[in-house]
Amino acid sequence: MTFRIVQWTTGNVGKRSVRAVTLNPQLLLVECYAWSEDKIGRVVGEPCGIEPVSVAATNDVEALLALKPDCVVYNPMFAEIDEMVGILSAGINIVCTSEFITGHFVGEGRDRIAAACEQGGSTIFGSGINPGFIQLFTIVSAGLSERVDKGSIGSHRHHHLQLTHHRKTYELRLSHRPAGSEEDNGEGLAYSSGSRARTSPRAGALMAYKVDPHVLHKVARHVVGLPIEGGELVTRAIRLLADEYPDLIDPTPGRWVGSKAGGILGKVRFLYFSPREYIVIFGSPTGTQGFSGRYKHVEIHKFLIAGQIDSYDVESDETMSTTLLPGEHTCLERGRARGLTIHPGSWHIEYGRGAVVATLPFAMVDTLLVSLELESVRRSAVEFTKLVGRRFRR
């Protein structure tokens, strides 16, 4: 049986999809959708670096749907809900690589997609390069340990693999280097044997952390929708965090401290601090904007529990901002920097890991030298002292 396929976009992932489709005798490429004007009308295969295929790219969506293909291989960098609803409601299946393995990132759009599938009698399947083969490392790496209680994976420019034994988390950072590239120096991956670990400096580092970002994300999703007024949202979030990490976080109400860093003004409550990790809750009732800071040896995770945060990479070719909504998670990678707009009534759990002491100058200098707000600095010092004292008492 031959399945008729429409390829949707021919970007970095789409090019590889075209190659896979044309090499599979059970698949027949009948048409291709192109987003870029310079690809419209070109014979497919040209932009994909393979032999020409007797199919020309088009941007006529109605004509594509009229072909009634068995499946659309949907490969844009970011999923467009309206496009997907149109395809699915027309009775056409979708195979998608746009971070659609669960569909949770699309928020309310997920319900629209489910309704479109029911209407058209179609299906959607998330798989492929994004996400990709990294999940296999969980099984392989677990074989290095006598006991593993939990394994979790994240991917964002670098791959992160975490294996948890009791309350200790070990992280393996993998960087992608194509074979034969200038960066390919033949070094292996980090590995662990018993309590000792060997790593190559380029391949990554095996490090122990006490906090799992996936647990923080679970807590954030749990409290979304609780009222901000009266403090129920923040209080509930802190209690859940304390339940997950009773040795680290005190569930009793703490003290809000004014914070201004990189122009971003708001209120912060310190929950946990060590030389390698910290957890705070930050927000602004009126909204604020500014600069994220840049940290070579620290990555910072934000888990939004209310409001909205818009951000953009200050150095990439991106010309549009990305939006973070309640229940979603983002990570500021090591060495990167972003511009931020935090909308009024936005609150998030923030978690930093790495050489977090290096973030203190950025956090304090704006408050101390620009705003001359000595009281906020004093209160911050008091809260830090309490957290450090709690840590040593434990």
Protein backbone atom coordinates (compact mmCIF):
# COMPACT_ATOMS: atom_id res chain seq x y z
CA MET A 1 0.00 0.00 0.00
CA THR A 2 1.27 3.47 -0.90
CA PHE A 3 0.50 6.50 1.26
CA ARG A 4 0.17 9.91 -0.44
CA ILE A 5 2.16 12.57 1.40
CA VAL A 6 2.18 16.38 1.42
CA GLN A 7 5.33 17.91 2.89
CA TRP A 8 4.70 21.08 4.92
CA THR A 9 7.76 23.41 4.72
CA THR A 10 11.31 22.55 3.71
CA GLY A 11 13.36 24.09 6.48
CA ASN A 12 16.07 22.37 8.48
CA VAL A 13 13.84 19.46 9.54
CA GLY A 14 11.61 19.53 6.45
CA LYS A 15 14.55 18.92 4.11
CA ARG A 16 15.34 15.71 5.93
CA SER A 17 11.69 14.69 5.86
CA VAL A 18 11.60 15.10 2.08
CA ARG A 19 14.63 12.84 1.76
CA ALA A 20 13.04 10.21 4.01
CA VAL A 21 9.72 10.31 2.14
CA THR A 22 11.29 10.02 -1.31
CA LEU A 23 13.48 7.09 -0.21
CA ASN A 24 10.57 5.10 1.26
CA PRO A 25 8.80 2.95 -1.40
CA GLN A 26 5.58 3.01 0.66
CA LEU A 27 5.37 6.81 0.55
CA LEU A 28 4.56 9.02 -2.44
CA LEU A 29 5.25 12.76 -2.27
CA VAL A 30 2.36 14.43 -4.10
CA GLU A 31 2.86 18.08 -3.17
CA CYS A 32 4.86 20.43 -0.98
CA TYR A 33 3.91 23.58 0.92
CA ALA A 34 6.53 26.36 0.99
CA TRP A 35 6.43 29.30 3.37
CA SER A 36 9.29 31.28 1.82
CA GLU A 37 8.52 33.20 -1.37
CA ASP A 38 11.84 32.20 -2.94
CA LYS A 39 10.91 28.49 -2.73
CA ILE A 40 7.47 28.76 -4.35
CA GLY A 41 7.45 27.19 -7.81
CA ARG A 42 10.80 25.50 -7.37
CA VAL A 43 11.06 21.78 -7.96
CA VAL A 44 11.16 19.93 -4.65
CA GLY A 45 14.55 18.35 -4.17
CA GLU A 46 16.43 21.48 -5.22
CA PRO A 47 16.16 23.21 -1.84
CA CYS A 48 16.55 19.86 -0.08
CA GLY A 49 19.91 18.96 -1.59
CA ILE A 50 18.67 15.80 -3.37
CA GLU A 51 17.81 14.82 -6.91
CA PRO A 52 14.87 16.86 -8.34
CA VAL A 53 11.41 15.43 -7.65
CA SER A 54 8.58 16.08 -10.09
CA VAL A 55 6.70 18.18 -7.52
CA ALA A 56 6.77 21.99 -7.36
CA ALA A 57 6.39 23.81 -4.07
CA THR A 58 3.29 26.00 -3.57
CA ASN A 59 1.68 28.18 -0.93
CA ASP A 60 -1.90 27.43 -2.08
CA VAL A 61 -3.30 25.74 1.01
CA GLU A 62 -6.76 25.10 -0.48
CA ALA A 63 -5.21 23.31 -3.45
CA LEU A 64 -3.13 21.16 -1.12
CA LEU A 65 -6.13 20.15 0.97
CA ALA A 66 -8.13 19.40 -2.20
CA LEU A 67 -5.59 16.69 -3.06
CA LYS A 68 -6.85 14.70 -0.03
CA PRO A 69 -3.45 13.24 0.85
CA ASP A 70 -3.26 10.47 3.44
CA CYS A 71 -0.92 12.49 5.61
CA VAL A 72 0.77 15.87 5.97
CA VAL A 73 4.32 15.77 7.30
CA TYR A 74 4.20 19.01 9.29
CA ASN A 75 7.70 20.42 9.94
CA PRO A 76 7.64 24.18 10.61
CA MET A 77 9.75 25.41 13.49
CA PHE A 78 6.63 26.58 15.34
CA ALA A 79 3.22 24.95 15.00
CA GLU A 80 0.40 27.18 13.71
CA ILE A 81 -2.82 26.02 15.32
CA ASP A 82 -5.07 27.46 12.58
CA GLU A 83 -3.11 25.56 9.93
CA MET A 84 -3.26 22.31 11.84
CA VAL A 85 -7.00 22.65 12.52
CA GLY A 86 -7.62 23.24 8.81
CA ILE A 87 -5.66 20.15 7.81
CA LEU A 88 -7.16 17.84 10.44
CA SER A 89 -10.76 18.98 9.95
CA ALA A 90 -10.35 18.20 6.22
CA GLY A 91 -9.79 14.55 7.20
CA ILE A 92 -6.03 14.58 6.66
CA ASN A 93 -3.67 13.03 9.20
CA ILE A 94 -0.63 14.91 10.52
CA VAL A 95 2.80 13.71 11.56
CA CYS A 96 4.45 16.60 13.38
CA THR A 97 7.92 17.39 14.72
CA SER A 98 7.13 20.86 16.09
CA GLU A 99 7.59 19.90 19.76
CA PHE A 100 4.22 18.15 19.59
CA ILE A 101 4.98 14.95 21.44
CA THR A 102 2.39 15.83 24.10
CA GLY A 103 0.59 18.88 22.72
CA HIS A 104 0.65 20.57 26.14
CA PHE A 105 2.65 23.58 24.94
CA VAL A 106 -0.21 24.82 22.72
CA GLY A 107 -2.51 25.53 25.68
CA GLU A 108 -6.14 26.04 24.64
CA GLY A 109 -5.20 25.20 21.04
CA ARG A 110 -5.00 21.57 22.09
CA ASP A 111 -8.79 21.43 22.49
CA ARG A 112 -9.25 22.93 19.02
CA ILE A 113 -6.95 20.29 17.55
CA ALA A 114 -8.79 17.48 19.33
CA ALA A 115 -12.12 18.83 17.99
CA ALA A 116 -10.68 19.03 14.45
CA CYS A 117 -9.58 15.39 14.67
CA GLU A 118 -13.10 14.35 15.70
CA GLN A 119 -14.65 16.43 12.92
CA GLY A 120 -12.39 15.07 10.18
CA GLY A 121 -11.86 11.58 11.52
CA SER A 122 -8.12 12.28 11.45
CA THR A 123 -5.16 11.82 13.77
CA ILE A 124 -2.04 13.70 14.82
CA PHE A 125 1.25 12.11 15.88
CA GLY A 126 4.22 13.97 17.41
CA SER A 127 7.66 12.46 16.89
CA GLY A 128 10.86 12.83 14.92
CA ILE A 129 13.88 15.06 15.25
CA ASN A 130 12.28 17.52 17.64
CA PRO A 131 12.03 15.69 20.04
CA GLY A 132 14.49 13.07 18.85
CA PHE A 133 16.74 10.21 19.80
CA ILE A 134 17.90 11.68 23.12
CA GLN A 135 15.29 9.68 25.08
CA LEU A 136 17.31 6.54 24.33
CA PHE A 137 20.12 7.85 26.54
CA THR A 138 17.93 7.29 29.61
CA ILE A 139 17.97 3.53 29.09
CA VAL A 140 21.66 3.40 28.19
CA SER A 141 22.81 5.68 31.02
CA ALA A 142 20.66 3.92 33.61
CA GLY A 143 22.77 0.84 33.03
CA LEU A 144 25.71 2.67 34.61
CA SER A 145 24.02 2.79 38.00
CA GLU A 146 23.08 0.11 40.52
CA ARG A 147 19.85 1.93 41.34
CA VAL A 148 17.90 4.69 39.55
CA ASP A 149 14.71 6.12 41.06
CA LYS A 150 13.88 8.51 38.25
CA GLY A 151 15.11 9.55 34.80
CA SER A 152 14.16 12.78 33.03
CA ILE A 153 15.25 14.49 29.82
CA GLY A 154 15.17 18.03 28.47
CA SER A 155 16.44 19.48 25.22
CA HIS A 156 17.19 23.11 24.35
CA ARG A 157 20.29 23.71 22.24
CA HIS A 158 22.07 21.27 24.55
CA HIS A 159 20.60 17.96 25.70
CA HIS A 160 20.16 17.37 29.42
CA LEU A 161 19.80 13.93 30.91
CA GLN A 162 19.09 13.57 34.63
CA LEU A 163 19.18 10.40 36.69
CA THR A 164 17.93 10.68 40.27
CA HIS A 165 18.90 8.46 43.17
CA HIS A 166 16.94 9.34 46.32
CA ARG A 167 17.30 13.16 46.55
CA LYS A 168 20.49 13.52 44.53
CA THR A 169 20.25 14.38 40.86
CA TYR A 170 23.04 13.78 38.35
CA GLU A 171 22.99 15.72 35.13
CA LEU A 172 24.66 14.82 31.86
CA ARG A 173 25.02 17.70 29.40
CA LEU A 174 25.51 16.68 25.77
CA SER A 175 26.47 19.10 23.00
CA HIS A 176 25.68 18.26 19.38
CA ARG A 177 28.74 18.25 17.12
CA PRO A 178 28.29 16.87 13.59
CA ALA A 179 30.87 14.24 12.71
CA GLY A 180 33.72 15.70 10.73
CA SER A 181 33.01 19.27 11.82
CA GLU A 182 35.70 21.52 13.23
CA GLU A 183 34.18 20.99 16.69
CA ASP A 184 34.34 17.20 16.40
CA ASN A 185 37.43 16.26 18.37
CA GLY A 186 36.54 12.61 18.94
CA GLU A 187 35.89 13.09 22.66
CA GLY A 188 33.41 10.76 24.32
CA LEU A 189 30.44 11.42 26.58
CA ALA A 190 30.69 11.90 30.30
CA TYR A 191 30.22 8.69 32.25
CA SER A 192 30.00 7.59 35.86
CA SER A 193 31.25 4.50 37.64
CA GLY A 194 30.26 4.18 41.29
CA SER A 195 30.98 7.44 43.11
CA ARG A 196 33.64 8.60 40.64
CA ALA A 197 33.00 10.43 37.39
CA ARG A 198 35.23 11.17 34.43
CA THR A 199 34.32 13.77 31.83
CA SER A 200 35.88 15.44 28.86
CA PRO A 201 35.83 19.25 29.12
CA ARG A 202 34.07 19.63 25.78
CA ALA A 203 31.57 16.81 26.16
CA GLY A 204 29.98 17.98 29.40
CA ALA A 205 30.02 17.55 33.13
CA LEU A 206 28.39 15.14 35.55
CA MET A 207 27.12 17.19 38.48
CA ALA A 208 24.94 16.60 41.51
CA TYR A 209 22.00 18.92 42.15
CA LYS A 210 19.32 18.75 44.80
CA VAL A 211 16.49 20.28 42.76
CA ASP A 212 14.82 18.75 39.72
CA PRO A 213 13.36 21.33 37.26
CA HIS A 214 10.66 18.84 36.29
CA VAL A 215 9.38 18.84 39.88
CA LEU A 216 9.23 22.66 39.86
CA HIS A 217 7.34 22.56 36.57
CA LYS A 218 4.83 20.12 38.07
CA VAL A 219 4.27 22.45 41.03
CA ALA A 220 3.83 25.45 38.74
CA ARG A 221 1.21 23.69 36.62
CA HIS A 222 -0.62 22.58 39.78
CA VAL A 223 -1.16 26.13 41.10
CA VAL A 224 -2.08 27.82 37.82
CA GLY A 225 -5.52 29.41 38.12
CA LEU A 226 -5.44 29.98 41.88
CA PRO A 227 -6.30 33.57 42.89
CA ILE A 228 -3.45 36.03 43.30
CA GLU A 229 -5.48 38.17 45.68
CA GLY A 230 -4.95 37.23 49.29
CA GLY A 231 -1.73 35.44 48.48
CA GLU A 232 -3.30 32.01 47.85
CA LEU A 233 -1.33 31.44 44.61
CA VAL A 234 2.08 32.10 46.13
CA THR A 235 1.31 30.44 49.48
CA ARG A 236 0.12 27.26 47.81
CA ALA A 237 3.17 27.17 45.51
CA ILE A 238 5.54 27.50 48.47
CA ARG A 239 3.76 24.76 50.42
CA LEU A 240 3.97 22.36 47.48
CA LEU A 241 7.66 23.16 46.98
CA ALA A 242 8.28 22.54 50.67
CA ASP A 243 6.46 19.20 50.42
CA GLU A 244 8.78 18.19 47.57
CA TYR A 245 11.94 19.49 49.27
CA PRO A 246 11.33 19.57 53.05
CA ASP A 247 15.07 19.71 53.77
CA LEU A 248 15.52 22.80 51.59
CA ILE A 249 12.42 24.98 51.79
CA ASP A 250 10.60 26.35 54.83
CA PRO A 251 6.81 26.49 54.17
CA THR A 252 6.20 29.30 56.69
CA PRO A 253 5.56 32.74 55.14
CA GLY A 254 8.73 34.63 54.33
CA ARG A 255 9.34 38.29 53.59
CA TRP A 256 8.94 40.02 50.27
CA VAL A 257 11.96 42.06 49.17
CA GLY A 258 12.10 44.75 46.50
CA SER A 259 14.38 43.82 43.60
CA LYS A 260 15.70 45.70 40.60
CA ALA A 261 18.14 43.95 38.26
CA GLY A 262 18.77 44.84 34.63
CA GLY A 263 15.94 47.36 34.84
CA ILE A 264 13.43 44.68 35.90
CA LEU A 265 11.63 45.90 39.03
CA GLY A 266 9.52 43.62 41.16
CA LYS A 267 9.08 41.69 44.39
CA VAL A 268 11.06 38.59 45.26
CA ARG A 269 10.72 35.96 47.97
CA PHE A 270 13.81 33.83 48.60
CA LEU A 271 13.06 30.15 49.20
CA TYR A 272 16.39 28.38 48.86
CA PHE A 273 20.00 29.35 48.24
CA SER A 274 23.26 27.42 48.06
CA PRO A 275 26.51 28.08 46.16
CA ARG A 276 25.15 25.98 43.28
CA GLU A 277 21.36 26.46 43.28
CA TYR A 278 18.64 28.90 44.24
CA ILE A 279 14.84 29.07 44.16
CA VAL A 280 12.84 32.30 44.40
CA ILE A 281 9.37 33.52 43.55
CA PHE A 282 9.35 36.76 41.60
CA GLY A 283 6.59 38.96 40.24
CA SER A 284 5.23 42.41 39.59
CA PRO A 285 1.65 43.62 40.13
CA THR A 286 2.17 46.47 37.63
CA GLY A 287 4.51 44.92 35.07
CA THR A 288 8.14 45.65 34.22
CA GLN A 289 10.73 45.12 31.50
CA GLY A 290 14.47 44.99 31.11
CA PHE A 291 17.49 42.73 30.57
CA SER A 292 17.87 39.13 31.73
CA GLY A 293 21.58 39.31 32.46
CA ARG A 294 24.18 36.99 30.98
CA TYR A 295 25.76 34.18 32.99
CA LYS A 296 28.49 32.01 31.56
CA HIS A 297 28.24 29.33 34.24
CA VAL A 298 24.56 29.52 35.28
CA GLU A 299 21.30 28.48 33.64
CA ILE A 300 18.07 30.04 34.87
CA HIS A 301 14.66 28.36 34.62
CA LYS A 302 11.37 30.26 34.86
CA PHE A 303 8.06 28.51 35.58
CA LEU A 304 5.18 30.93 35.06
CA ILE A 305 2.26 30.58 37.48
CA ALA A 306 0.31 33.73 36.52
CA GLY A 307 0.37 36.45 33.86
CA GLN A 308 2.57 36.55 30.75
CA ILE A 309 6.24 37.06 29.90
CA ASP A 310 7.44 38.11 26.43
CA SER A 311 11.12 37.76 25.59
CA TYR A 312 13.60 37.80 22.72
CA ASP A 313 17.20 36.75 22.20
CA VAL A 314 19.26 39.94 21.96
CA GLU A 315 21.80 38.42 19.54
CA SER A 316 19.99 35.93 17.32
CA ASP A 317 18.30 36.55 13.97
CA GLU A 318 14.89 36.41 15.66
CA THR A 319 12.76 39.48 14.97
CA MET A 320 9.73 38.31 16.94
CA SER A 321 9.33 37.76 20.65
CA THR A 322 8.32 34.48 22.26
CA THR A 323 5.53 34.33 24.81
CA LEU A 324 5.49 32.38 28.07
CA LEU A 325 2.03 31.57 29.46
CA PRO A 326 0.93 30.17 32.85
CA GLY A 327 2.04 26.58 33.34
CA GLU A 328 4.85 26.90 30.81
CA HIS A 329 8.60 26.76 31.35
CA THR A 330 11.56 28.50 29.74
CA CYS A 331 15.30 28.32 30.33
CA LEU A 332 17.94 31.03 29.89
CA GLU A 333 20.93 29.03 28.70
CA ARG A 334 24.45 29.63 29.88
CA GLY A 335 26.06 32.51 28.05
CA ARG A 336 22.80 33.75 26.47
CA ALA A 337 20.91 36.98 27.15
CA ARG A 338 17.31 38.06 26.53
CA GLY A 339 15.17 41.15 26.67
CA LEU A 340 12.10 40.69 28.86
CA THR A 341 8.65 42.21 29.26
CA ILE A 342 6.84 40.93 32.35
CA HIS A 343 3.16 41.80 32.08
CA PRO A 344 1.15 43.20 35.02
CA GLY A 345 0.12 40.53 37.51
CA SER A 346 2.81 38.07 36.42
CA TRP A 347 4.45 35.73 38.93
CA HIS A 348 6.90 32.91 38.39
CA ILE A 349 9.05 30.37 40.19
CA GLU A 350 12.69 30.95 39.27
CA TYR A 351 15.38 28.32 39.64
CA GLY A 352 19.09 28.85 38.98
CA ARG A 353 21.76 26.15 38.86
CA GLY A 354 25.50 26.37 38.38
CA ALA A 355 27.82 28.97 39.88
CA VAL A 356 24.82 30.95 41.16
CA VAL A 357 26.96 33.15 43.41
CA ALA A 358 28.02 34.86 40.17
CA THR A 359 24.47 36.20 39.76
CA LEU A 360 24.57 38.24 42.96
CA PRO A 361 26.44 41.28 41.56
CA PHE A 362 23.89 41.62 38.75
CA ALA A 363 21.05 41.23 41.24
CA MET A 364 22.42 43.83 43.67
CA VAL A 365 24.29 46.49 41.66
CA ASP A 366 21.20 47.97 39.96
CA THR A 367 19.37 48.23 43.29
CA LEU A 368 22.36 49.63 45.15
CA LEU A 369 24.14 51.94 42.68
CA VAL A 370 21.39 52.99 40.26
CA SER A 371 18.30 53.13 42.46
CA LEU A 372 20.27 53.83 45.69
CA GLU A 373 17.78 51.57 47.46
CA LEU A 374 19.82 50.56 50.51
CA GLU A 375 16.87 49.17 52.44
CA SER A 376 16.13 46.53 49.78
CA VAL A 377 19.77 45.50 49.78
CA ARG A 378 19.73 45.23 53.57
CA ARG A 379 16.55 43.12 53.52
CA SER A 380 18.01 40.87 50.84
CA ALA A 381 21.12 40.34 52.95
CA VAL A 382 18.95 39.42 55.94
CA GLU A 383 16.96 36.89 53.91
CA PHE A 384 20.12 35.36 52.45
CA THR A 385 21.56 35.04 55.95
CA LYS A 386 18.43 33.19 57.10
CA LEU A 387 18.62 30.75 54.18
CA VAL A 388 22.31 30.07 54.69
CA GLY A 389 21.73 29.57 58.42
CA ARG A 390 18.90 27.12 57.72
CA ARG A 391 21.15 25.21 55.33
CA PHE A 392 23.92 24.79 57.89
CA ARG A 393 21.47 23.82 60.62
CA ARG A 394 20.22 21.04 58.38
